[in-house]
Amino acid sequence: MLSAPYDFGPNKGSGPSGPEARRVKLSKRTEYGLRAVVQLARLDPRSYVQSKDLAQQENLPNKFLESILLALRRGDFLESKVGSGGGYRLSRPAKDISVGDLIRRLEGRLTVKEPVPTSDLSPGEVAVRLINERLTDATDVVLDAMTLEQLLDQISRAGSLQQSMYYI
């Protein structure tokens, strides 16, 4: 599941602070899957890539990556081919793959709808539940609005920004 460390500022809470503390944390499974899919999306859509090559390109454990790629194949994000010239590739164009759908496939259910009557909860628990629902809804909206192609565009812009900053 996604976890979100909170930043309460200096001396305002027991959690970590700073830019890293305000970031949503993806599971390793989701992180590795996204990294592999981004690599596949950058390549020729007609060619297949073996899992060991993806693992090497992204410095990922091959066994774990193989199970992730299998899940993505079952979810119709990837197709695979066995034998010489085999491996994995995207099953459809990057513009047709929602980042939200991809993350839900890798992460499992992002939202947990528990039918707990609010009368059984304290006002503080109701407040936390309402905030969590709002955060989940906002996350779903952002991730569902982004395609893999748009993510690749943002990666390209971030890469060119880093290169230009390097030379400043």
C-alpha atoms as a PDB file:
ATOM      1  CA  MET A   1       0.000   0.000   0.000  1.00  0.00           C
ATOM      2  CA  LEU A   2       1.028   3.590  -0.455  1.00  0.00           C
ATOM      3  CA  SER A   3       2.199   5.341   2.661  1.00  0.00           C
ATOM      4  CA  ALA A   4       2.551   9.057   3.147  1.00  0.00           C
ATOM      5  CA  PRO A   5       5.012  10.346   5.724  1.00  0.00           C
ATOM      6  CA  TYR A   6       3.835  13.656   7.115  1.00  0.00           C
ATOM      7  CA  ASP A   7       5.821  16.838   7.650  1.00  0.00           C
ATOM      8  CA  PHE A   8       4.712  18.744  10.721  1.00  0.00           C
ATOM      9  CA  GLY A   9       7.631  21.165  10.542  1.00  0.00           C
ATOM     10  CA  PRO A  10      10.340  21.607  13.151  1.00  0.00           C
ATOM     11  CA  ASN A  11       9.332  20.315  16.575  1.00  0.00           C
ATOM     12  CA  LYS A  12       5.670  19.957  15.559  1.00  0.00           C
ATOM     13  CA  GLY A  13       5.443  16.208  15.265  1.00  0.00           C
ATOM     14  CA  SER A  14       7.331  12.993  15.621  1.00  0.00           C
ATOM     15  CA  GLY A  15       7.535  12.326  11.864  1.00  0.00           C
ATOM     16  CA  PRO A  16      10.385  13.265   9.541  1.00  0.00           C
ATOM     17  CA  SER A  17      10.549  16.732   8.053  1.00  0.00           C
ATOM     18  CA  GLY A  18      11.884  18.265   4.854  1.00  0.00           C
ATOM     19  CA  PRO A  19      11.076  17.629   1.180  1.00  0.00           C
ATOM     20  CA  GLU A  20      11.561  13.856   1.427  1.00  0.00           C
ATOM     21  CA  ALA A  21       9.014  13.635   4.239  1.00  0.00           C
ATOM     22  CA  ARG A  22       6.236  15.097   2.093  1.00  0.00           C
ATOM     23  CA  ARG A  23       6.486  12.502  -0.626  1.00  0.00           C
ATOM     24  CA  VAL A  24       4.080   9.608  -1.134  1.00  0.00           C
ATOM     25  CA  LYS A  25       6.028   6.377  -0.795  1.00  0.00           C
ATOM     26  CA  LEU A  26       5.412   3.614  -3.337  1.00  0.00           C
ATOM     27  CA  SER A  27       6.005  -0.034  -2.526  1.00  0.00           C
ATOM     28  CA  LYS A  28       9.129  -1.636  -4.018  1.00  0.00           C
ATOM     29  CA  ARG A  29       6.875  -3.723  -6.267  1.00  0.00           C
ATOM     30  CA  THR A  30       5.242  -0.605  -7.700  1.00  0.00           C
ATOM     31  CA  GLU A  31       8.509   1.302  -7.922  1.00  0.00           C
ATOM     32  CA  TYR A  32      10.250  -1.519  -9.795  1.00  0.00           C
ATOM     33  CA  GLY A  33       7.259  -2.078 -12.078  1.00  0.00           C
ATOM     34  CA  LEU A  34       7.080   1.606 -12.987  1.00  0.00           C
ATOM     35  CA  ARG A  35      10.804   1.706 -13.670  1.00  0.00           C
ATOM     36  CA  ALA A  36      10.555  -1.310 -15.980  1.00  0.00           C
ATOM     37  CA  VAL A  37       7.480   0.016 -17.812  1.00  0.00           C
ATOM     38  CA  VAL A  38       9.140   3.395 -18.339  1.00  0.00           C
ATOM     39  CA  GLN A  39      12.145   1.615 -19.889  1.00  0.00           C
ATOM     40  CA  LEU A  40       9.853  -0.419 -22.149  1.00  0.00           C
ATOM     41  CA  ALA A  41       7.915   2.699 -23.169  1.00  0.00           C
ATOM     42  CA  ARG A  42      11.160   4.419 -24.214  1.00  0.00           C
ATOM     43  CA  LEU A  43      12.075   1.618 -26.631  1.00  0.00           C
ATOM     44  CA  ASP A  44      10.855   0.625 -30.070  1.00  0.00           C
ATOM     45  CA  PRO A  45       7.299  -0.637 -29.504  1.00  0.00           C
ATOM     46  CA  ARG A  46       7.840  -3.558 -31.905  1.00  0.00           C
ATOM     47  CA  SER A  47      10.839  -5.028 -30.101  1.00  0.00           C
ATOM     48  CA  TYR A  48      10.839  -7.298 -27.070  1.00  0.00           C
ATOM     49  CA  VAL A  49      13.186  -6.872 -24.102  1.00  0.00           C
ATOM     50  CA  GLN A  50      14.212  -9.691 -21.788  1.00  0.00           C
ATOM     51  CA  SER A  51      13.593  -9.260 -18.073  1.00  0.00           C
ATOM     52  CA  LYS A  52      17.286  -9.709 -17.278  1.00  0.00           C
ATOM     53  CA  ASP A  53      18.114  -6.760 -19.561  1.00  0.00           C
ATOM     54  CA  LEU A  54      15.446  -4.592 -17.912  1.00  0.00           C
ATOM     55  CA  ALA A  55      16.746  -5.621 -14.504  1.00  0.00           C
ATOM     56  CA  GLN A  56      20.287  -4.698 -15.521  1.00  0.00           C
ATOM     57  CA  GLN A  57      19.261  -1.340 -17.042  1.00  0.00           C
ATOM     58  CA  GLU A  58      17.423  -0.316 -13.868  1.00  0.00           C
ATOM     59  CA  ASN A  59      19.621  -2.200 -11.374  1.00  0.00           C
ATOM     60  CA  LEU A  60      16.707  -4.327 -10.121  1.00  0.00           C
ATOM     61  CA  PRO A  61      16.590  -7.884  -8.755  1.00  0.00           C
ATOM     62  CA  ASN A  62      15.696 -10.069 -11.748  1.00  0.00           C
ATOM     63  CA  LYS A  63      13.596 -12.695  -9.898  1.00  0.00           C
ATOM     64  CA  PHE A  64      11.399 -10.045  -8.275  1.00  0.00           C
ATOM     65  CA  LEU A  65      11.119  -8.114 -11.539  1.00  0.00           C
ATOM     66  CA  GLU A  66      10.048 -11.257 -13.387  1.00  0.00           C
ATOM     67  CA  SER A  67       7.073 -11.721 -11.035  1.00  0.00           C
ATOM     68  CA  ILE A  68       6.141  -8.047 -11.480  1.00  0.00           C
ATOM     69  CA  LEU A  69       6.307  -8.322 -15.279  1.00  0.00           C
ATOM     70  CA  LEU A  70       4.126 -11.418 -15.156  1.00  0.00           C
ATOM     71  CA  ALA A  71       1.492  -9.500 -13.156  1.00  0.00           C
ATOM     72  CA  LEU A  72       1.624  -6.675 -15.696  1.00  0.00           C
ATOM     73  CA  ARG A  73       1.201  -9.177 -18.521  1.00  0.00           C
ATOM     74  CA  ARG A  74      -1.831 -10.666 -16.776  1.00  0.00           C
ATOM     75  CA  GLY A  75      -3.188  -7.142 -16.387  1.00  0.00           C
ATOM     76  CA  ASP A  76      -2.860  -6.566 -20.150  1.00  0.00           C
ATOM     77  CA  PHE A  77      -0.180  -3.875 -19.830  1.00  0.00           C
ATOM     78  CA  LEU A  78       2.529  -6.072 -21.367  1.00  0.00           C
ATOM     79  CA  GLU A  79       2.749  -8.863 -23.862  1.00  0.00           C
ATOM     80  CA  SER A  80       5.455 -11.459 -23.908  1.00  0.00           C
ATOM     81  CA  LYS A  81       7.121 -13.746 -26.383  1.00  0.00           C
ATOM     82  CA  VAL A  82       9.124 -16.870 -25.598  1.00  0.00           C
ATOM     83  CA  GLY A  83      12.274 -17.918 -27.414  1.00  0.00           C
ATOM     84  CA  SER A  84      14.907 -16.179 -29.454  1.00  0.00           C
ATOM     85  CA  GLY A  85      14.123 -12.481 -29.719  1.00  0.00           C
ATOM     86  CA  GLY A  86      11.568 -12.891 -26.959  1.00  0.00           C
ATOM     87  CA  GLY A  87      10.884 -10.910 -23.856  1.00  0.00           C
ATOM     88  CA  TYR A  88       8.373  -8.205 -22.926  1.00  0.00           C
ATOM     89  CA  ARG A  89       6.928  -5.113 -24.573  1.00  0.00           C
ATOM     90  CA  LEU A  90       3.980  -2.813 -23.972  1.00  0.00           C
ATOM     91  CA  SER A  91       0.713  -4.336 -25.136  1.00  0.00           C
ATOM     92  CA  ARG A  92      -0.631  -0.953 -26.295  1.00  0.00           C
ATOM     93  CA  PRO A  93       0.705   2.553 -26.964  1.00  0.00           C
ATOM     94  CA  ALA A  94       1.909   4.586 -23.970  1.00  0.00           C
ATOM     95  CA  LYS A  95      -0.784   7.178 -24.694  1.00  0.00           C
ATOM     96  CA  ASP A  96      -3.411   4.510 -23.951  1.00  0.00           C
ATOM     97  CA  ILE A  97      -2.004   3.449 -20.572  1.00  0.00           C
ATOM     98  CA  SER A  98      -3.238   5.316 -17.506  1.00  0.00           C
ATOM     99  CA  VAL A  99      -0.643   5.701 -14.754  1.00  0.00           C
ATOM    100  CA  GLY A 100      -3.479   5.218 -12.235  1.00  0.00           C
ATOM    101  CA  ASP A 101      -4.458   1.850 -13.773  1.00  0.00           C
ATOM    102  CA  LEU A 102      -0.816   0.792 -13.871  1.00  0.00           C
ATOM    103  CA  ILE A 103      -0.200   1.676 -10.222  1.00  0.00           C
ATOM    104  CA  ARG A 104      -3.439   0.002  -9.101  1.00  0.00           C
ATOM    105  CA  ARG A 105      -2.337  -3.175 -10.921  1.00  0.00           C
ATOM    106  CA  LEU A 106       1.043  -3.111  -9.200  1.00  0.00           C
ATOM    107  CA  GLU A 107      -0.044  -1.826  -5.805  1.00  0.00           C
ATOM    108  CA  GLY A 108      -3.330  -3.634  -5.442  1.00  0.00           C
ATOM    109  CA  ARG A 109      -6.274  -1.691  -4.145  1.00  0.00           C
ATOM    110  CA  LEU A 110      -5.292   1.868  -3.277  1.00  0.00           C
ATOM    111  CA  THR A 111      -8.484   2.489  -1.389  1.00  0.00           C
ATOM    112  CA  VAL A 112      -9.947   0.371   1.325  1.00  0.00           C
ATOM    113  CA  LYS A 113     -13.664   0.896   1.740  1.00  0.00           C
ATOM    114  CA  GLU A 114     -14.498  -0.409   5.160  1.00  0.00           C
ATOM    115  CA  PRO A 115     -18.191  -0.357   6.020  1.00  0.00           C
ATOM    116  CA  VAL A 116     -17.696   0.938   9.561  1.00  0.00           C
ATOM    117  CA  PRO A 117     -20.583   3.021  10.854  1.00  0.00           C
ATOM    118  CA  THR A 118     -19.313   6.455  11.863  1.00  0.00           C
ATOM    119  CA  SER A 119     -21.279   6.128  15.096  1.00  0.00           C
ATOM    120  CA  ASP A 120     -18.697   3.521  16.200  1.00  0.00           C
ATOM    121  CA  LEU A 121     -15.853   6.005  15.679  1.00  0.00           C
ATOM    122  CA  SER A 122     -14.643   8.899  17.789  1.00  0.00           C
ATOM    123  CA  PRO A 123     -14.753  12.383  16.220  1.00  0.00           C
ATOM    124  CA  GLY A 124     -10.977  12.212  15.742  1.00  0.00           C
ATOM    125  CA  GLU A 125     -11.249   8.860  13.955  1.00  0.00           C
ATOM    126  CA  VAL A 126     -13.996  10.260  11.707  1.00  0.00           C
ATOM    127  CA  ALA A 127     -11.722  13.234  10.896  1.00  0.00           C
ATOM    128  CA  VAL A 128      -8.818  10.933   9.989  1.00  0.00           C
ATOM    129  CA  ARG A 129     -11.110   8.777   7.851  1.00  0.00           C
ATOM    130  CA  LEU A 130     -12.454  11.843   6.004  1.00  0.00           C
ATOM    131  CA  ILE A 131      -8.948  13.184   5.352  1.00  0.00           C
ATOM    132  CA  ASN A 132      -7.764   9.780   4.114  1.00  0.00           C
ATOM    133  CA  GLU A 133     -10.741   9.581   1.746  1.00  0.00           C
ATOM    134  CA  ARG A 134      -9.987  13.057   0.384  1.00  0.00           C
ATOM    135  CA  LEU A 135      -6.297  12.207  -0.083  1.00  0.00           C
ATOM    136  CA  THR A 136      -7.186   8.973  -1.868  1.00  0.00           C
ATOM    137  CA  ASP A 137      -9.699  10.716  -4.139  1.00  0.00           C
ATOM    138  CA  ALA A 138      -7.148  13.424  -5.023  1.00  0.00           C
ATOM    139  CA  THR A 139      -4.452  10.818  -5.702  1.00  0.00           C
ATOM    140  CA  ASP A 140      -6.804   8.850  -7.965  1.00  0.00           C
ATOM    141  CA  VAL A 141      -7.732  11.987  -9.923  1.00  0.00           C
ATOM    142  CA  VAL A 142      -4.089  12.935 -10.509  1.00  0.00           C
ATOM    143  CA  LEU A 143      -2.910   9.432 -11.436  1.00  0.00           C
ATOM    144  CA  ASP A 144      -5.916   8.662 -13.653  1.00  0.00           C
ATOM    145  CA  ALA A 145      -5.432  11.932 -15.557  1.00  0.00           C
ATOM    146  CA  MET A 146      -1.838  11.026 -16.475  1.00  0.00           C
ATOM    147  CA  THR A 147      -0.898   8.623 -19.256  1.00  0.00           C
ATOM    148  CA  LEU A 148       2.386   6.781 -19.547  1.00  0.00           C
ATOM    149  CA  GLU A 149       3.165   8.979 -22.564  1.00  0.00           C
ATOM    150  CA  GLN A 150       2.672  12.135 -20.471  1.00  0.00           C
ATOM    151  CA  LEU A 151       4.906  10.671 -17.774  1.00  0.00           C
ATOM    152  CA  LEU A 152       7.617  10.068 -20.383  1.00  0.00           C
ATOM    153  CA  ASP A 153       7.301  13.690 -21.525  1.00  0.00           C
ATOM    154  CA  GLN A 154       7.757  14.863 -17.941  1.00  0.00           C
ATOM    155  CA  ILE A 155      10.772  12.570 -17.545  1.00  0.00           C
ATOM    156  CA  SER A 156      12.326  14.081 -20.688  1.00  0.00           C
ATOM    157  CA  ARG A 157      11.745  17.620 -19.430  1.00  0.00           C
ATOM    158  CA  ALA A 158      13.147  16.765 -15.995  1.00  0.00           C
ATOM    159  CA  GLY A 159      16.205  15.169 -17.638  1.00  0.00           C
ATOM    160  CA  SER A 160      16.904  18.202 -19.815  1.00  0.00           C
ATOM    161  CA  LEU A 161      16.399  20.461 -16.786  1.00  0.00           C
ATOM    162  CA  GLN A 162      18.906  18.414 -14.775  1.00  0.00           C
ATOM    163  CA  GLN A 163      21.425  18.561 -17.622  1.00  0.00           C
ATOM    164  CA  SER A 164      21.092  22.320 -17.992  1.00  0.00           C
ATOM    165  CA  MET A 165      21.378  22.778 -14.240  1.00  0.00           C
ATOM    166  CA  TYR A 166      24.490  20.611 -14.223  1.00  0.00           C
ATOM    167  CA  TYR A 167      26.253  23.025 -16.579  1.00  0.00           C
ATOM    168  CA  ILE A 168      25.216  26.205 -14.749  1.00  0.00           C
END
